[in-house]
């Protein structure tokens, strides 16, 4: 079943998906990520990547594989909401006391090559420096803009 989305329905669909992916990443993914000791679980971060994209897979079966941009961009938005709001959500939902200025300095690359955590992909452990974290955040944000721009123009 392939539906063609155009005009006002395209705007409405995009608005709903943006809202859903933001809330999904902000609340659902952050809660799981804060509760599970990720770096200790084999393949945890690979599983987390799958978690970002999983709820958007049905888009491919409803709208068709031509709208792959929605799946990719919504998963990336969920991942950005997880990374950018992990610490404030930890403070709010779990009563943790993260130093938000320090946390954001690390995430936005201001701590250079300082490594604070390790991505556990199961097949590899990747030390994550402040610069690596920032690079992935900036690249994902740029990818969302470019991918959605491409989808909108179709």
C-alpha atoms as a PDB file:
ATOM      1  CA  UNK A   1       0.000   0.000   0.000  1.00  0.00           C
ATOM      2  CA  UNK A   2       1.599   3.232  -1.133  1.00  0.00           C
ATOM      3  CA  UNK A   3      -0.015   6.559  -0.313  1.00  0.00           C
ATOM      4  CA  UNK A   4       1.159   9.770  -1.922  1.00  0.00           C
ATOM      5  CA  UNK A   5       1.271  12.617   0.563  1.00  0.00           C
ATOM      6  CA  UNK A   6       1.053  16.141  -0.840  1.00  0.00           C
ATOM      7  CA  UNK A   7       0.211  19.707   0.145  1.00  0.00           C
ATOM      8  CA  UNK A   8      -1.607  20.238   3.426  1.00  0.00           C
ATOM      9  CA  UNK A   9      -1.611  16.538   4.307  1.00  0.00           C
ATOM     10  CA  UNK A  10       2.187  16.555   3.919  1.00  0.00           C
ATOM     11  CA  UNK A  11       2.475  19.431   6.387  1.00  0.00           C
ATOM     12  CA  UNK A  12       0.106  17.715   8.821  1.00  0.00           C
ATOM     13  CA  UNK A  13       1.958  14.387   8.574  1.00  0.00           C
ATOM     14  CA  UNK A  14       5.333  16.040   9.118  1.00  0.00           C
ATOM     15  CA  UNK A  15       4.049  18.024  12.105  1.00  0.00           C
ATOM     16  CA  UNK A  16       2.649  14.882  13.760  1.00  0.00           C
ATOM     17  CA  UNK A  17       5.800  12.869  13.092  1.00  0.00           C
ATOM     18  CA  UNK A  18       8.063  15.636  14.408  1.00  0.00           C
ATOM     19  CA  UNK A  19       5.986  15.878  17.566  1.00  0.00           C
ATOM     20  CA  UNK A  20       5.905  12.117  18.066  1.00  0.00           C
ATOM     21  CA  UNK A  21       9.637  11.569  17.415  1.00  0.00           C
ATOM     22  CA  UNK A  22      10.519  14.416  19.768  1.00  0.00           C
ATOM     23  CA  UNK A  23       8.359  13.104  22.613  1.00  0.00           C
ATOM     24  CA  UNK A  24       9.451   9.517  21.931  1.00  0.00           C
ATOM     25  CA  UNK A  25      13.151  10.434  22.148  1.00  0.00           C
ATOM     26  CA  UNK A  26      12.688  12.887  24.982  1.00  0.00           C
ATOM     27  CA  UNK A  27      10.657  10.691  27.329  1.00  0.00           C
ATOM     28  CA  UNK A  28      10.697   7.047  26.241  1.00  0.00           C
ATOM     29  CA  UNK A  29      14.269   6.639  25.013  1.00  0.00           C
ATOM     30  CA  UNK A  30      15.765   8.880  27.691  1.00  0.00           C
ATOM     31  CA  UNK A  31      13.992   6.963  30.446  1.00  0.00           C
ATOM     32  CA  UNK A  32      15.306   3.625  29.179  1.00  0.00           C
ATOM     33  CA  UNK A  33      18.794   5.053  28.653  1.00  0.00           C
ATOM     34  CA  UNK A  34      18.880   6.532  32.156  1.00  0.00           C
ATOM     35  CA  UNK A  35      17.688   3.353  33.867  1.00  0.00           C
ATOM     36  CA  UNK A  36      19.793   0.768  31.980  1.00  0.00           C
ATOM     37  CA  UNK A  37      23.549   0.802  32.719  1.00  0.00           C
ATOM     38  CA  UNK A  38      24.284   0.872  28.978  1.00  0.00           C
ATOM     39  CA  UNK A  39      28.038   0.663  28.772  1.00  0.00           C
ATOM     40  CA  UNK A  40      27.923  -2.566  30.807  1.00  0.00           C
ATOM     41  CA  UNK A  41      25.369  -4.344  28.596  1.00  0.00           C
ATOM     42  CA  UNK A  42      26.880  -6.042  25.520  1.00  0.00           C
ATOM     43  CA  UNK A  43      25.715  -4.282  22.362  1.00  0.00           C
ATOM     44  CA  UNK A  44      23.630  -1.791  24.325  1.00  0.00           C
ATOM     45  CA  UNK A  45      24.321   1.212  22.101  1.00  0.00           C
ATOM     46  CA  UNK A  46      23.631  -0.793  18.953  1.00  0.00           C
ATOM     47  CA  UNK A  47      20.305  -1.789  20.513  1.00  0.00           C
ATOM     48  CA  UNK A  48      19.676   1.873  21.342  1.00  0.00           C
ATOM     49  CA  UNK A  49      20.247   2.851  17.697  1.00  0.00           C
ATOM     50  CA  UNK A  50      17.653   0.276  16.638  1.00  0.00           C
ATOM     51  CA  UNK A  51      15.298   1.672  19.289  1.00  0.00           C
ATOM     52  CA  UNK A  52      15.552   5.157  17.747  1.00  0.00           C
ATOM     53  CA  UNK A  53      14.298   3.980  14.352  1.00  0.00           C
ATOM     54  CA  UNK A  54      11.971   1.056  15.184  1.00  0.00           C
ATOM     55  CA  UNK A  55       8.690   2.957  15.665  1.00  0.00           C
ATOM     56  CA  UNK A  56       9.093   4.620  12.273  1.00  0.00           C
ATOM     57  CA  UNK A  57       9.542   1.449  10.186  1.00  0.00           C
ATOM     58  CA  UNK A  58       5.763   1.193   9.516  1.00  0.00           C
ATOM     59  CA  UNK A  59       6.081   4.423   7.508  1.00  0.00           C
ATOM     60  CA  UNK A  60       7.774   2.379   4.794  1.00  0.00           C
ATOM     61  CA  UNK A  61       4.863  -0.037   4.597  1.00  0.00           C
ATOM     62  CA  UNK A  62       2.137   2.609   4.675  1.00  0.00           C
ATOM     63  CA  UNK A  63       3.657   5.351   2.537  1.00  0.00           C
ATOM     64  CA  UNK A  64       6.074   3.207   0.561  1.00  0.00           C
ATOM     65  CA  UNK A  65       9.816   2.939   0.407  1.00  0.00           C
ATOM     66  CA  UNK A  66       9.997   6.204  -1.554  1.00  0.00           C
ATOM     67  CA  UNK A  67       9.434   8.022   1.754  1.00  0.00           C
ATOM     68  CA  UNK A  68      12.491   6.505   3.469  1.00  0.00           C
ATOM     69  CA  UNK A  69      13.506  10.055   4.410  1.00  0.00           C
ATOM     70  CA  UNK A  70      10.799  10.164   7.068  1.00  0.00           C
ATOM     71  CA  UNK A  71      12.066   6.981   8.734  1.00  0.00           C
ATOM     72  CA  UNK A  72      15.674   8.180   8.787  1.00  0.00           C
ATOM     73  CA  UNK A  73      14.975  11.752   9.869  1.00  0.00           C
ATOM     74  CA  UNK A  74      12.514  10.789  12.624  1.00  0.00           C
ATOM     75  CA  UNK A  75      14.970   8.230  14.032  1.00  0.00           C
ATOM     76  CA  UNK A  76      17.713  10.852  13.981  1.00  0.00           C
ATOM     77  CA  UNK A  77      15.443  13.326  15.778  1.00  0.00           C
ATOM     78  CA  UNK A  78      14.693  10.723  18.470  1.00  0.00           C
ATOM     79  CA  UNK A  79      18.452  10.172  18.867  1.00  0.00           C
ATOM     80  CA  UNK A  80      19.092  13.914  19.165  1.00  0.00           C
ATOM     81  CA  UNK A  81      16.367  14.255  21.791  1.00  0.00           C
ATOM     82  CA  UNK A  82      18.032  11.422  23.714  1.00  0.00           C
ATOM     83  CA  UNK A  83      21.504  12.944  23.543  1.00  0.00           C
ATOM     84  CA  UNK A  84      20.589  16.595  24.037  1.00  0.00           C
ATOM     85  CA  UNK A  85      18.100  16.082  26.872  1.00  0.00           C
ATOM     86  CA  UNK A  86      19.538  13.024  28.659  1.00  0.00           C
ATOM     87  CA  UNK A  87      20.874  15.068  31.594  1.00  0.00           C
ATOM     88  CA  UNK A  88      17.894  17.402  32.162  1.00  0.00           C
ATOM     89  CA  UNK A  89      15.517  14.420  31.970  1.00  0.00           C
ATOM     90  CA  UNK A  90      17.725  12.597  34.496  1.00  0.00           C
ATOM     91  CA  UNK A  91      17.459  15.600  36.787  1.00  0.00           C
ATOM     92  CA  UNK A  92      13.691  15.924  36.366  1.00  0.00           C
ATOM     93  CA  UNK A  93      12.456  12.314  36.194  1.00  0.00           C
ATOM     94  CA  UNK A  94      15.004  10.527  38.362  1.00  0.00           C
ATOM     95  CA  UNK A  95      16.093  13.281  40.719  1.00  0.00           C
ATOM     96  CA  UNK A  96      19.711  13.047  39.670  1.00  0.00           C
ATOM     97  CA  UNK A  97      21.921  16.080  40.001  1.00  0.00           C
ATOM     98  CA  UNK A  98      23.893  16.501  36.813  1.00  0.00           C
ATOM     99  CA  UNK A  99      25.883  19.687  36.296  1.00  0.00           C
ATOM    100  CA  UNK A 100      24.116  20.752  33.095  1.00  0.00           C
ATOM    101  CA  UNK A 101      26.720  23.357  32.101  1.00  0.00           C
ATOM    102  CA  UNK A 102      29.487  20.757  32.316  1.00  0.00           C
ATOM    103  CA  UNK A 103      27.411  18.108  30.542  1.00  0.00           C
ATOM    104  CA  UNK A 104      26.554  20.410  27.648  1.00  0.00           C
ATOM    105  CA  UNK A 105      30.150  21.605  27.395  1.00  0.00           C
ATOM    106  CA  UNK A 106      31.117  17.958  26.845  1.00  0.00           C
ATOM    107  CA  UNK A 107      28.299  17.261  24.365  1.00  0.00           C
ATOM    108  CA  UNK A 108      28.973  20.378  22.311  1.00  0.00           C
ATOM    109  CA  UNK A 109      32.687  19.670  21.950  1.00  0.00           C
ATOM    110  CA  UNK A 110      34.122  22.142  24.433  1.00  0.00           C
ATOM    111  CA  UNK A 111      36.021  19.424  26.338  1.00  0.00           C
ATOM    112  CA  UNK A 112      38.126  18.444  23.317  1.00  0.00           C
ATOM    113  CA  UNK A 113      39.538  14.927  23.451  1.00  0.00           C
ATOM    114  CA  UNK A 114      38.315  14.209  26.984  1.00  0.00           C
ATOM    115  CA  UNK A 115      36.590  10.800  27.067  1.00  0.00           C
ATOM    116  CA  UNK A 116      33.724  10.286  29.529  1.00  0.00           C
ATOM    117  CA  UNK A 117      32.013   7.160  28.294  1.00  0.00           C
ATOM    118  CA  UNK A 118      32.342   4.222  25.928  1.00  0.00           C
ATOM    119  CA  UNK A 119      29.869   3.246  23.238  1.00  0.00           C
ATOM    120  CA  UNK A 120      29.246  -0.492  23.542  1.00  0.00           C
ATOM    121  CA  UNK A 121      28.347  -1.778  20.077  1.00  0.00           C
ATOM    122  CA  UNK A 122      28.788  -5.428  21.008  1.00  0.00           C
ATOM    123  CA  UNK A 123      31.410  -6.021  18.332  1.00  0.00           C
ATOM    124  CA  UNK A 124      33.443  -2.965  19.395  1.00  0.00           C
ATOM    125  CA  UNK A 125      33.895  -0.587  22.303  1.00  0.00           C
ATOM    126  CA  UNK A 126      34.346   3.007  21.134  1.00  0.00           C
ATOM    127  CA  UNK A 127      35.695   5.648  23.518  1.00  0.00           C
ATOM    128  CA  UNK A 128      33.556   8.766  23.062  1.00  0.00           C
ATOM    129  CA  UNK A 129      35.389  12.056  23.344  1.00  0.00           C
ATOM    130  CA  UNK A 130      33.755  15.441  23.601  1.00  0.00           C
ATOM    131  CA  UNK A 131      34.722  16.204  19.994  1.00  0.00           C
ATOM    132  CA  UNK A 132      33.312  12.904  18.731  1.00  0.00           C
ATOM    133  CA  UNK A 133      30.061  13.465  20.615  1.00  0.00           C
ATOM    134  CA  UNK A 134      29.737  16.997  19.252  1.00  0.00           C
ATOM    135  CA  UNK A 135      30.541  15.893  15.710  1.00  0.00           C
ATOM    136  CA  UNK A 136      27.807  13.258  15.774  1.00  0.00           C
ATOM    137  CA  UNK A 137      25.294  15.753  17.161  1.00  0.00           C
ATOM    138  CA  UNK A 138      26.081  18.403  14.528  1.00  0.00           C
ATOM    139  CA  UNK A 139      26.100  15.838  11.715  1.00  0.00           C
ATOM    140  CA  UNK A 140      22.744  14.364  12.759  1.00  0.00           C
ATOM    141  CA  UNK A 141      21.149  17.812  13.008  1.00  0.00           C
ATOM    142  CA  UNK A 142      22.436  18.731   9.541  1.00  0.00           C
ATOM    143  CA  UNK A 143      21.295  15.378   8.140  1.00  0.00           C
ATOM    144  CA  UNK A 144      17.758  15.894   9.497  1.00  0.00           C
ATOM    145  CA  UNK A 145      17.506  19.295   7.828  1.00  0.00           C
ATOM    146  CA  UNK A 146      18.867  18.060   4.495  1.00  0.00           C
ATOM    147  CA  UNK A 147      16.858  14.839   4.432  1.00  0.00           C
ATOM    148  CA  UNK A 148      13.575  16.552   5.323  1.00  0.00           C
ATOM    149  CA  UNK A 149      14.275  19.283   2.792  1.00  0.00           C
ATOM    150  CA  UNK A 150      14.742  16.593   0.117  1.00  0.00           C
ATOM    151  CA  UNK A 151      11.529  14.839   1.170  1.00  0.00           C
ATOM    152  CA  UNK A 152       9.544  18.090   1.205  1.00  0.00           C
ATOM    153  CA  UNK A 153      10.623  18.986  -2.310  1.00  0.00           C
ATOM    154  CA  UNK A 154       9.481  15.671  -3.813  1.00  0.00           C
END
